[in-house]
Amino acid sequence: MEKRVQFRSSWLPWVLIAPQMAVICVFFFWPAAQAILQSLQEQDAFGSSTEWVGLDNFQRLFSDATYLESFKTTALFSVLVAGLGIVLSLLLAVFADRVVRGVTFYRTLLILPYAVAPAVAGVLWVFMFSPALGVVAYALGKFGYDWNHLLNGGQAMALIVLAAVWKQISYNFLFFVAALQSIPKSLIEAAAIDGAGPWRRFWGIQLPLISPTTFFLLVMNVVYAFFETFGIVDAATNGGPGKDTSILVYRVYYDGFKAMDLGGSAAQSAVLMLIVIVLTVVQFRYVEKKVNY
């Protein structure tokens, strides 16, 4: 029977949630409301004069071919980052769950990238793949593959995808390891006694039981790819070459702080927020049906 806490006073629950509500209002609702308001205005570069322009910023935005191209770039980048990040971290977690000796050392090594800031991660990968100094670019050259992400848009995309996936693997890894360890060992041993091999045990028992964790990480990785990869793109490619790696969140920064188009940048923020909300709703509406709780 479910036990529910009963408060004697009606104001105590509101007092308890007040700090969290204050944080959400200050750091989410207030900036979001400011962004929507500024997207309907036009300001000069110094912010000294403001003019109400209605939906002109949005109209100008969607008539820009380079902005529409950023949607394709962001979609490709997000699918690769979320897909590769979840698959690789799940693979590492399965291996880590089977390690008997040195398991603490192995898991600690996989968690280390989580302590690295996105901009630092971007710089590290740029050093490794630098056409002039990078050890990886040098090794690829020995195999006859000419690497230069400064000139090749596909290689630049590969570089930021690798850096973003590497940065996020630790986060995914922690959740997958915890989910795998929560599965009763008796289930795995019973399946092994019945003759099920490692792949059959993983596909038929472990994967369905960790589906809530996988769904949670899918939502978090999509949000990560859309919002939290700005530092990697800025440090690694600056959105280049040309606009080949200019994802939506980087365009918000570039148009707002470099091109000084504050109204257009705010309109892009509103569009980006709407996209992430729609994607999250779609995931909860359709993907969650395949989750076994």
C-alpha atoms as a PDB file:
ATOM      1  CA  MET A   1       0.000   0.000   0.000  1.00  0.00           C
ATOM      2  CA  GLU A   2       1.377   3.402  -0.992  1.00  0.00           C
ATOM      3  CA  LYS A   3       2.196   5.731   1.918  1.00  0.00           C
ATOM      4  CA  ARG A   4       1.657   9.443   1.327  1.00  0.00           C
ATOM      5  CA  VAL A   5       2.977  12.255   3.479  1.00  0.00           C
ATOM      6  CA  GLN A   6       0.262  14.463   4.959  1.00  0.00           C
ATOM      7  CA  PHE A   7       1.150  18.057   5.891  1.00  0.00           C
ATOM      8  CA  ARG A   8      -0.761  19.537   8.793  1.00  0.00           C
ATOM      9  CA  SER A   9      -0.424  23.085   7.522  1.00  0.00           C
ATOM     10  CA  SER A  10      -1.290  24.151   3.978  1.00  0.00           C
ATOM     11  CA  TRP A  11       1.590  26.623   3.648  1.00  0.00           C
ATOM     12  CA  LEU A  12       4.446  24.230   4.540  1.00  0.00           C
ATOM     13  CA  PRO A  13       4.582  22.465   1.093  1.00  0.00           C
ATOM     14  CA  TRP A  14       4.788  25.857  -0.631  1.00  0.00           C
ATOM     15  CA  VAL A  15       7.617  26.928   1.664  1.00  0.00           C
ATOM     16  CA  LEU A  16       9.550  23.722   0.941  1.00  0.00           C
ATOM     17  CA  ILE A  17       9.367  24.102  -2.841  1.00  0.00           C
ATOM     18  CA  ALA A  18       9.906  27.875  -2.776  1.00  0.00           C
ATOM     19  CA  PRO A  19      13.753  27.745  -3.107  1.00  0.00           C
ATOM     20  CA  GLN A  20      13.572  25.447  -6.149  1.00  0.00           C
ATOM     21  CA  MET A  21      10.831  27.553  -7.735  1.00  0.00           C
ATOM     22  CA  ALA A  22      12.914  30.686  -7.173  1.00  0.00           C
ATOM     23  CA  VAL A  23      15.932  29.104  -8.918  1.00  0.00           C
ATOM     24  CA  ILE A  24      13.803  27.974 -11.877  1.00  0.00           C
ATOM     25  CA  CYS A  25      12.169  31.389 -12.228  1.00  0.00           C
ATOM     26  CA  VAL A  26      15.461  33.314 -12.037  1.00  0.00           C
ATOM     27  CA  PHE A  27      17.576  31.060 -14.244  1.00  0.00           C
ATOM     28  CA  PHE A  28      15.001  29.728 -16.734  1.00  0.00           C
ATOM     29  CA  PHE A  29      11.685  31.566 -16.967  1.00  0.00           C
ATOM     30  CA  TRP A  30      13.108  35.072 -16.618  1.00  0.00           C
ATOM     31  CA  PRO A  31      15.840  34.642 -19.323  1.00  0.00           C
ATOM     32  CA  ALA A  32      13.360  32.816 -21.581  1.00  0.00           C
ATOM     33  CA  ALA A  33      10.846  35.645 -21.250  1.00  0.00           C
ATOM     34  CA  GLN A  34      13.582  38.210 -21.951  1.00  0.00           C
ATOM     35  CA  ALA A  35      14.664  36.308 -25.086  1.00  0.00           C
ATOM     36  CA  ILE A  36      11.093  36.183 -26.421  1.00  0.00           C
ATOM     37  CA  LEU A  37      10.617  39.890 -25.726  1.00  0.00           C
ATOM     38  CA  GLN A  38      13.910  40.849 -27.430  1.00  0.00           C
ATOM     39  CA  SER A  39      13.072  38.656 -30.435  1.00  0.00           C
ATOM     40  CA  LEU A  40      10.186  41.059 -31.135  1.00  0.00           C
ATOM     41  CA  GLN A  41      12.419  44.128 -30.898  1.00  0.00           C
ATOM     42  CA  GLU A  42      15.275  45.643 -32.842  1.00  0.00           C
ATOM     43  CA  GLN A  43      18.186  47.146 -30.918  1.00  0.00           C
ATOM     44  CA  ASP A  44      21.262  48.984 -32.042  1.00  0.00           C
ATOM     45  CA  ALA A  45      24.698  47.451 -31.421  1.00  0.00           C
ATOM     46  CA  PHE A  46      25.084  49.265 -28.080  1.00  0.00           C
ATOM     47  CA  GLY A  47      21.565  48.576 -26.805  1.00  0.00           C
ATOM     48  CA  SER A  48      20.849  52.300 -26.402  1.00  0.00           C
ATOM     49  CA  SER A  49      17.734  52.355 -28.601  1.00  0.00           C
ATOM     50  CA  THR A  50      14.971  49.794 -29.005  1.00  0.00           C
ATOM     51  CA  GLU A  51      12.271  49.559 -31.656  1.00  0.00           C
ATOM     52  CA  TRP A  52       9.266  47.226 -31.691  1.00  0.00           C
ATOM     53  CA  VAL A  53       9.363  45.256 -34.967  1.00  0.00           C
ATOM     54  CA  GLY A  54       6.958  42.392 -34.238  1.00  0.00           C
ATOM     55  CA  LEU A  55       7.775  39.233 -36.208  1.00  0.00           C
ATOM     56  CA  ASP A  56      10.218  40.895 -38.618  1.00  0.00           C
ATOM     57  CA  ASN A  57      13.209  39.202 -36.976  1.00  0.00           C
ATOM     58  CA  PHE A  58      11.635  35.763 -37.514  1.00  0.00           C
ATOM     59  CA  GLN A  59      10.684  36.617 -41.113  1.00  0.00           C
ATOM     60  CA  ARG A  60      14.230  37.764 -41.860  1.00  0.00           C
ATOM     61  CA  LEU A  61      15.600  34.681 -40.158  1.00  0.00           C
ATOM     62  CA  PHE A  62      13.679  32.150 -42.230  1.00  0.00           C
ATOM     63  CA  SER A  63      14.455  33.976 -45.488  1.00  0.00           C
ATOM     64  CA  ASP A  64      18.176  33.477 -44.792  1.00  0.00           C
ATOM     65  CA  ALA A  65      19.444  30.413 -46.678  1.00  0.00           C
ATOM     66  CA  THR A  66      22.474  29.998 -44.404  1.00  0.00           C
ATOM     67  CA  TYR A  67      20.207  29.817 -41.328  1.00  0.00           C
ATOM     68  CA  LEU A  68      18.078  27.121 -42.935  1.00  0.00           C
ATOM     69  CA  GLU A  69      21.277  25.250 -43.781  1.00  0.00           C
ATOM     70  CA  SER A  70      22.157  25.361 -40.076  1.00  0.00           C
ATOM     71  CA  PHE A  71      19.094  23.188 -39.379  1.00  0.00           C
ATOM     72  CA  LYS A  72      20.565  20.390 -41.510  1.00  0.00           C
ATOM     73  CA  THR A  73      23.968  20.820 -39.873  1.00  0.00           C
ATOM     74  CA  THR A  74      22.428  20.717 -36.383  1.00  0.00           C
ATOM     75  CA  ALA A  75      20.253  17.692 -37.196  1.00  0.00           C
ATOM     76  CA  LEU A  76      23.244  15.714 -38.504  1.00  0.00           C
ATOM     77  CA  PHE A  77      25.412  16.757 -35.567  1.00  0.00           C
ATOM     78  CA  SER A  78      22.750  15.934 -32.953  1.00  0.00           C
ATOM     79  CA  VAL A  79      21.939  12.500 -34.401  1.00  0.00           C
ATOM     80  CA  LEU A  80      25.627  11.554 -34.534  1.00  0.00           C
ATOM     81  CA  VAL A  81      26.415  12.864 -31.041  1.00  0.00           C
ATOM     82  CA  ALA A  82      23.369  11.302 -29.354  1.00  0.00           C
ATOM     83  CA  GLY A  83      23.558   8.017 -31.283  1.00  0.00           C
ATOM     84  CA  LEU A  84      27.296   7.409 -31.045  1.00  0.00           C
ATOM     85  CA  GLY A  85      27.455   8.663 -27.461  1.00  0.00           C
ATOM     86  CA  ILE A  86      24.755   6.272 -26.220  1.00  0.00           C
ATOM     87  CA  VAL A  87      25.983   3.239 -28.179  1.00  0.00           C
ATOM     88  CA  LEU A  88      29.656   3.616 -27.239  1.00  0.00           C
ATOM     89  CA  SER A  89      28.979   4.347 -23.577  1.00  0.00           C
ATOM     90  CA  LEU A  90      26.600   1.362 -23.346  1.00  0.00           C
ATOM     91  CA  LEU A  91      29.282  -0.844 -24.890  1.00  0.00           C
ATOM     92  CA  LEU A  92      31.878   0.390 -22.386  1.00  0.00           C
ATOM     93  CA  ALA A  93      29.448  -0.042 -19.480  1.00  0.00           C
ATOM     94  CA  VAL A  94      28.731  -3.649 -20.487  1.00  0.00           C
ATOM     95  CA  PHE A  95      32.461  -4.384 -20.574  1.00  0.00           C
ATOM     96  CA  ALA A  96      33.001  -2.577 -17.261  1.00  0.00           C
ATOM     97  CA  ASP A  97      30.197  -4.604 -15.684  1.00  0.00           C
ATOM     98  CA  ARG A  98      32.086  -7.815 -16.547  1.00  0.00           C
ATOM     99  CA  VAL A  99      35.544  -6.694 -15.414  1.00  0.00           C
ATOM    100  CA  VAL A 100      36.668  -8.547 -12.276  1.00  0.00           C
ATOM    101  CA  ARG A 101      40.162  -7.187 -11.605  1.00  0.00           C
ATOM    102  CA  GLY A 102      41.021  -3.474 -11.686  1.00  0.00           C
ATOM    103  CA  VAL A 103      37.386  -2.443 -12.119  1.00  0.00           C
ATOM    104  CA  THR A 104      37.792   0.748 -10.041  1.00  0.00           C
ATOM    105  CA  PHE A 105      40.756   1.911 -12.097  1.00  0.00           C
ATOM    106  CA  TYR A 106      38.950   1.133 -15.354  1.00  0.00           C
ATOM    107  CA  ARG A 107      35.797   3.028 -14.346  1.00  0.00           C
ATOM    108  CA  THR A 108      37.787   6.003 -13.031  1.00  0.00           C
ATOM    109  CA  LEU A 109      39.544   6.398 -16.377  1.00  0.00           C
ATOM    110  CA  LEU A 110      36.197   6.449 -18.187  1.00  0.00           C
ATOM    111  CA  ILE A 111      34.742   9.070 -15.826  1.00  0.00           C
ATOM    112  CA  LEU A 112      37.663  11.522 -16.156  1.00  0.00           C
ATOM    113  CA  PRO A 113      36.412  13.291 -19.358  1.00  0.00           C
ATOM    114  CA  TYR A 114      33.327  14.476 -17.444  1.00  0.00           C
ATOM    115  CA  ALA A 115      35.564  16.821 -15.417  1.00  0.00           C
ATOM    116  CA  VAL A 116      36.839  18.536 -18.574  1.00  0.00           C
ATOM    117  CA  ALA A 117      35.110  21.737 -19.712  1.00  0.00           C
ATOM    118  CA  PRO A 118      33.645  21.661 -23.252  1.00  0.00           C
ATOM    119  CA  ALA A 119      36.005  24.392 -24.503  1.00  0.00           C
ATOM    120  CA  VAL A 120      39.030  22.527 -23.095  1.00  0.00           C
ATOM    121  CA  ALA A 121      37.810  19.313 -24.729  1.00  0.00           C
ATOM    122  CA  GLY A 122      37.612  21.157 -28.059  1.00  0.00           C
ATOM    123  CA  VAL A 123      41.165  22.473 -27.680  1.00  0.00           C
ATOM    124  CA  LEU A 124      42.511  19.005 -26.799  1.00  0.00           C
ATOM    125  CA  TRP A 125      41.005  17.455 -29.910  1.00  0.00           C
ATOM    126  CA  VAL A 126      42.226  20.333 -32.090  1.00  0.00           C
ATOM    127  CA  PHE A 127      45.778  19.682 -30.876  1.00  0.00           C
ATOM    128  CA  MET A 128      45.498  15.987 -31.709  1.00  0.00           C
ATOM    129  CA  PHE A 129      44.054  16.634 -35.179  1.00  0.00           C
ATOM    130  CA  SER A 130      46.022  19.766 -36.049  1.00  0.00           C
ATOM    131  CA  PRO A 131      47.249  19.427 -39.672  1.00  0.00           C
ATOM    132  CA  ALA A 132      50.651  20.865 -38.706  1.00  0.00           C
ATOM    133  CA  LEU A 133      51.247  19.483 -35.181  1.00  0.00           C
ATOM    134  CA  GLY A 134      48.632  16.836 -34.385  1.00  0.00           C
ATOM    135  CA  VAL A 135      49.762  13.262 -33.744  1.00  0.00           C
ATOM    136  CA  VAL A 136      46.527  11.811 -35.140  1.00  0.00           C
ATOM    137  CA  ALA A 137      46.761  13.921 -38.322  1.00  0.00           C
ATOM    138  CA  TYR A 138      50.389  12.782 -38.681  1.00  0.00           C
ATOM    139  CA  ALA A 139      49.418   9.118 -38.241  1.00  0.00           C
ATOM    140  CA  LEU A 140      46.601   9.454 -40.778  1.00  0.00           C
ATOM    141  CA  GLY A 141      49.085  10.998 -43.214  1.00  0.00           C
ATOM    142  CA  LYS A 142      51.299   7.922 -42.869  1.00  0.00           C
ATOM    143  CA  PHE A 143      48.343   5.827 -44.064  1.00  0.00           C
ATOM    144  CA  GLY A 144      47.846   8.126 -47.054  1.00  0.00           C
ATOM    145  CA  TYR A 145      44.860  10.038 -45.656  1.00  0.00           C
ATOM    146  CA  ASP A 146      45.284  13.810 -45.820  1.00  0.00           C
ATOM    147  CA  TRP A 147      43.576  15.377 -42.787  1.00  0.00           C
ATOM    148  CA  ASN A 148      42.865  19.112 -42.731  1.00  0.00           C
ATOM    149  CA  HIS A 149      39.686  20.082 -40.904  1.00  0.00           C
ATOM    150  CA  LEU A 150      40.455  23.753 -41.570  1.00  0.00           C
ATOM    151  CA  LEU A 151      39.635  23.231 -45.263  1.00  0.00           C
ATOM    152  CA  ASN A 152      37.427  20.125 -45.316  1.00  0.00           C
ATOM    153  CA  GLY A 153      33.893  20.563 -43.927  1.00  0.00           C
ATOM    154  CA  GLY A 154      33.296  16.821 -43.473  1.00  0.00           C
ATOM    155  CA  GLN A 155      36.474  16.440 -41.447  1.00  0.00           C
ATOM    156  CA  ALA A 156      35.566  19.482 -39.346  1.00  0.00           C
ATOM    157  CA  MET A 157      32.177  17.920 -38.576  1.00  0.00           C
ATOM    158  CA  ALA A 158      33.870  14.637 -37.680  1.00  0.00           C
ATOM    159  CA  LEU A 159      36.212  16.483 -35.318  1.00  0.00           C
ATOM    160  CA  ILE A 160      33.485  18.237 -33.315  1.00  0.00           C
ATOM    161  CA  VAL A 161      31.373  15.058 -33.226  1.00  0.00           C
ATOM    162  CA  LEU A 162      34.316  13.089 -31.809  1.00  0.00           C
ATOM    163  CA  ALA A 163      35.040  15.780 -29.216  1.00  0.00           C
ATOM    164  CA  ALA A 164      31.369  16.069 -28.187  1.00  0.00           C
ATOM    165  CA  VAL A 165      30.903  12.293 -27.929  1.00  0.00           C
ATOM    166  CA  TRP A 166      34.109  11.897 -25.900  1.00  0.00           C
ATOM    167  CA  LYS A 167      32.994  14.648 -23.531  1.00  0.00           C
ATOM    168  CA  GLN A 168      29.561  13.052 -22.951  1.00  0.00           C
ATOM    169  CA  ILE A 169      30.589   9.392 -22.726  1.00  0.00           C
ATOM    170  CA  SER A 170      31.417   9.650 -19.008  1.00  0.00           C
ATOM    171  CA  TYR A 171      27.952  10.977 -18.149  1.00  0.00           C
ATOM    172  CA  ASN A 172      26.234   8.185 -20.096  1.00  0.00           C
ATOM    173  CA  PHE A 173      28.664   5.595 -18.752  1.00  0.00           C
ATOM    174  CA  LEU A 174      27.831   6.355 -15.105  1.00  0.00           C
ATOM    175  CA  PHE A 175      24.093   5.869 -15.647  1.00  0.00           C
ATOM    176  CA  PHE A 176      24.506   2.697 -17.708  1.00  0.00           C
ATOM    177  CA  VAL A 177      26.843   1.085 -15.156  1.00  0.00           C
ATOM    178  CA  ALA A 178      24.418   1.882 -12.328  1.00  0.00           C
ATOM    179  CA  ALA A 179      21.500   0.482 -14.364  1.00  0.00           C
ATOM    180  CA  LEU A 180      23.368  -2.719 -15.252  1.00  0.00           C
ATOM    181  CA  GLN A 181      24.403  -3.307 -11.642  1.00  0.00           C
ATOM    182  CA  SER A 182      20.807  -2.912 -10.469  1.00  0.00           C
ATOM    183  CA  ILE A 183      19.754  -5.985 -12.488  1.00  0.00           C
ATOM    184  CA  PRO A 184      19.528  -9.051 -10.187  1.00  0.00           C
ATOM    185  CA  LYS A 185      22.397 -11.419 -10.899  1.00  0.00           C
ATOM    186  CA  SER A 186      20.015 -14.344 -10.432  1.00  0.00           C
ATOM    187  CA  LEU A 187      18.277 -13.432 -13.715  1.00  0.00           C
ATOM    188  CA  ILE A 188      21.551 -13.471 -15.656  1.00  0.00           C
ATOM    189  CA  GLU A 189      22.680 -16.720 -14.027  1.00  0.00           C
ATOM    190  CA  ALA A 190      19.324 -18.406 -14.709  1.00  0.00           C
ATOM    191  CA  ALA A 191      19.514 -17.418 -18.374  1.00  0.00           C
ATOM    192  CA  ALA A 192      23.081 -18.714 -18.583  1.00  0.00           C
ATOM    193  CA  ILE A 193      22.013 -22.057 -17.060  1.00  0.00           C
ATOM    194  CA  ASP A 194      19.234 -22.264 -19.687  1.00  0.00           C
ATOM    195  CA  GLY A 195      21.891 -21.960 -22.397  1.00  0.00           C
ATOM    196  CA  ALA A 196      21.508 -18.269 -23.367  1.00  0.00           C
ATOM    197  CA  GLY A 197      24.779 -16.805 -24.669  1.00  0.00           C
ATOM    198  CA  PRO A 198      26.148 -13.331 -23.777  1.00  0.00           C
ATOM    199  CA  TRP A 199      24.400 -11.629 -26.724  1.00  0.00           C
ATOM    200  CA  ARG A 200      21.067 -13.318 -25.994  1.00  0.00           C
ATOM    201  CA  ARG A 201      21.300 -12.386 -22.297  1.00  0.00           C
ATOM    202  CA  PHE A 202      22.083  -8.779 -23.183  1.00  0.00           C
ATOM    203  CA  TRP A 203      19.391  -8.422 -25.853  1.00  0.00           C
ATOM    204  CA  GLY A 204      16.651 -10.354 -24.018  1.00  0.00           C
ATOM    205  CA  ILE A 205      17.244  -9.389 -20.380  1.00  0.00           C
ATOM    206  CA  GLN A 206      19.645  -6.508 -19.784  1.00  0.00           C
ATOM    207  CA  LEU A 207      18.630  -4.133 -22.579  1.00  0.00           C
ATOM    208  CA  PRO A 208      14.851  -4.205 -21.792  1.00  0.00           C
ATOM    209  CA  LEU A 209      15.532  -3.730 -18.073  1.00  0.00           C
ATOM    210  CA  ILE A 210      17.742  -0.668 -18.648  1.00  0.00           C
ATOM    211  CA  SER A 211      15.369   0.898 -21.206  1.00  0.00           C
ATOM    212  CA  PRO A 212      14.193   3.632 -18.737  1.00  0.00           C
ATOM    213  CA  THR A 213      17.843   4.705 -18.319  1.00  0.00           C
ATOM    214  CA  THR A 214      18.391   4.587 -22.091  1.00  0.00           C
ATOM    215  CA  PHE A 215      15.324   6.758 -22.682  1.00  0.00           C
ATOM    216  CA  PHE A 216      16.442   9.266 -20.046  1.00  0.00           C
ATOM    217  CA  LEU A 217      19.907   9.456 -21.632  1.00  0.00           C
ATOM    218  CA  LEU A 218      18.387   9.890 -25.097  1.00  0.00           C
ATOM    219  CA  VAL A 219      16.525  12.998 -23.914  1.00  0.00           C
ATOM    220  CA  MET A 220      19.583  14.355 -22.075  1.00  0.00           C
ATOM    221  CA  ASN A 221      21.928  13.716 -25.017  1.00  0.00           C
ATOM    222  CA  VAL A 222      19.639  15.520 -27.452  1.00  0.00           C
ATOM    223  CA  VAL A 223      19.517  18.525 -25.112  1.00  0.00           C
ATOM    224  CA  TYR A 224      23.307  18.308 -24.710  1.00  0.00           C
ATOM    225  CA  ALA A 225      23.873  18.274 -28.493  1.00  0.00           C
ATOM    226  CA  PHE A 226      21.623  21.292 -28.997  1.00  0.00           C
ATOM    227  CA  PHE A 227      22.771  23.501 -26.113  1.00  0.00           C
ATOM    228  CA  GLU A 228      25.957  22.383 -24.365  1.00  0.00           C
ATOM    229  CA  THR A 229      28.285  21.832 -27.327  1.00  0.00           C
ATOM    230  CA  PHE A 230      28.807  25.507 -28.067  1.00  0.00           C
ATOM    231  CA  GLY A 231      32.220  25.551 -26.327  1.00  0.00           C
ATOM    232  CA  ILE A 232      33.475  22.621 -28.398  1.00  0.00           C
ATOM    233  CA  VAL A 233      32.418  24.187 -31.712  1.00  0.00           C
ATOM    234  CA  ASP A 234      33.805  27.582 -30.767  1.00  0.00           C
ATOM    235  CA  ALA A 235      37.181  26.183 -29.664  1.00  0.00           C
ATOM    236  CA  ALA A 236      37.577  23.601 -32.433  1.00  0.00           C
ATOM    237  CA  THR A 237      36.245  25.112 -35.663  1.00  0.00           C
ATOM    238  CA  ASN A 238      34.596  28.500 -34.990  1.00  0.00           C
ATOM    239  CA  GLY A 239      31.712  27.225 -37.074  1.00  0.00           C
ATOM    240  CA  GLY A 240      33.941  26.742 -40.127  1.00  0.00           C
ATOM    241  CA  PRO A 241      35.199  26.113 -42.644  1.00  0.00           C
ATOM    242  CA  GLY A 242      32.657  28.536 -44.081  1.00  0.00           C
ATOM    243  CA  LYS A 243      29.448  27.630 -42.207  1.00  0.00           C
ATOM    244  CA  ASP A 244      29.894  23.846 -42.372  1.00  0.00           C
ATOM    245  CA  THR A 245      29.902  23.344 -38.577  1.00  0.00           C
ATOM    246  CA  SER A 246      27.785  26.342 -37.637  1.00  0.00           C
ATOM    247  CA  ILE A 247      25.102  24.626 -35.546  1.00  0.00           C
ATOM    248  CA  LEU A 248      22.128  26.591 -34.234  1.00  0.00           C
ATOM    249  CA  VAL A 249      23.501  27.345 -30.769  1.00  0.00           C
ATOM    250  CA  TYR A 250      26.752  28.635 -32.255  1.00  0.00           C
ATOM    251  CA  ARG A 251      24.820  30.911 -34.648  1.00  0.00           C
ATOM    252  CA  VAL A 252      22.977  32.401 -31.671  1.00  0.00           C
ATOM    253  CA  TYR A 253      26.332  33.408 -30.181  1.00  0.00           C
ATOM    254  CA  TYR A 254      27.886  34.539 -33.490  1.00  0.00           C
ATOM    255  CA  ASP A 255      24.973  36.719 -34.603  1.00  0.00           C
ATOM    256  CA  GLY A 256      24.451  38.172 -31.132  1.00  0.00           C
ATOM    257  CA  PHE A 257      28.023  38.879 -29.977  1.00  0.00           C
ATOM    258  CA  LYS A 258      30.045  39.151 -33.213  1.00  0.00           C
ATOM    259  CA  ALA A 259      27.540  40.383 -35.794  1.00  0.00           C
ATOM    260  CA  MET A 260      25.768  42.427 -33.041  1.00  0.00           C
ATOM    261  CA  ASP A 261      22.337  41.451 -34.359  1.00  0.00           C
ATOM    262  CA  LEU A 262      20.685  41.264 -30.936  1.00  0.00           C
ATOM    263  CA  GLY A 263      17.101  40.939 -32.188  1.00  0.00           C
ATOM    264  CA  GLY A 264      17.999  38.215 -34.690  1.00  0.00           C
ATOM    265  CA  SER A 265      20.007  36.351 -32.057  1.00  0.00           C
ATOM    266  CA  ALA A 266      17.081  36.477 -29.614  1.00  0.00           C
ATOM    267  CA  ALA A 267      14.755  35.181 -32.346  1.00  0.00           C
ATOM    268  CA  GLN A 268      17.156  32.281 -32.952  1.00  0.00           C
ATOM    269  CA  SER A 269      17.138  31.538 -29.197  1.00  0.00           C
ATOM    270  CA  ALA A 270      13.338  31.367 -29.223  1.00  0.00           C
ATOM    271  CA  VAL A 271      13.361  29.047 -32.257  1.00  0.00           C
ATOM    272  CA  LEU A 272      16.020  26.817 -30.675  1.00  0.00           C
ATOM    273  CA  MET A 273      14.059  26.591 -27.427  1.00  0.00           C
ATOM    274  CA  LEU A 274      10.894  25.686 -29.349  1.00  0.00           C
ATOM    275  CA  ILE A 275      12.729  22.935 -31.302  1.00  0.00           C
ATOM    276  CA  VAL A 276      14.067  21.318 -28.133  1.00  0.00           C
ATOM    277  CA  ILE A 277      10.645  21.472 -26.447  1.00  0.00           C
ATOM    278  CA  VAL A 278       8.997  19.835 -29.481  1.00  0.00           C
ATOM    279  CA  LEU A 279      11.681  17.125 -29.689  1.00  0.00           C
ATOM    280  CA  THR A 280      11.320  16.370 -25.973  1.00  0.00           C
ATOM    281  CA  VAL A 281       7.532  16.133 -26.245  1.00  0.00           C
ATOM    282  CA  VAL A 282       7.842  13.825 -29.281  1.00  0.00           C
ATOM    283  CA  GLN A 283      10.283  11.598 -27.412  1.00  0.00           C
ATOM    284  CA  PHE A 284       7.963  11.334 -24.410  1.00  0.00           C
ATOM    285  CA  ARG A 285       4.921  10.855 -26.659  1.00  0.00           C
ATOM    286  CA  TYR A 286       6.278   8.119 -28.972  1.00  0.00           C
ATOM    287  CA  VAL A 287       9.643   6.741 -27.809  1.00  0.00           C
ATOM    288  CA  GLU A 288       8.557   6.300 -24.175  1.00  0.00           C
ATOM    289  CA  LYS A 289       5.957   3.728 -25.278  1.00  0.00           C
ATOM    290  CA  LYS A 290       8.798   1.286 -25.957  1.00  0.00           C
ATOM    291  CA  VAL A 291      10.217   1.682 -22.437  1.00  0.00           C
ATOM    292  CA  ASN A 292       9.605  -1.101 -19.894  1.00  0.00           C
ATOM    293  CA  TYR A 293       9.160   0.298 -16.383  1.00  0.00           C
END
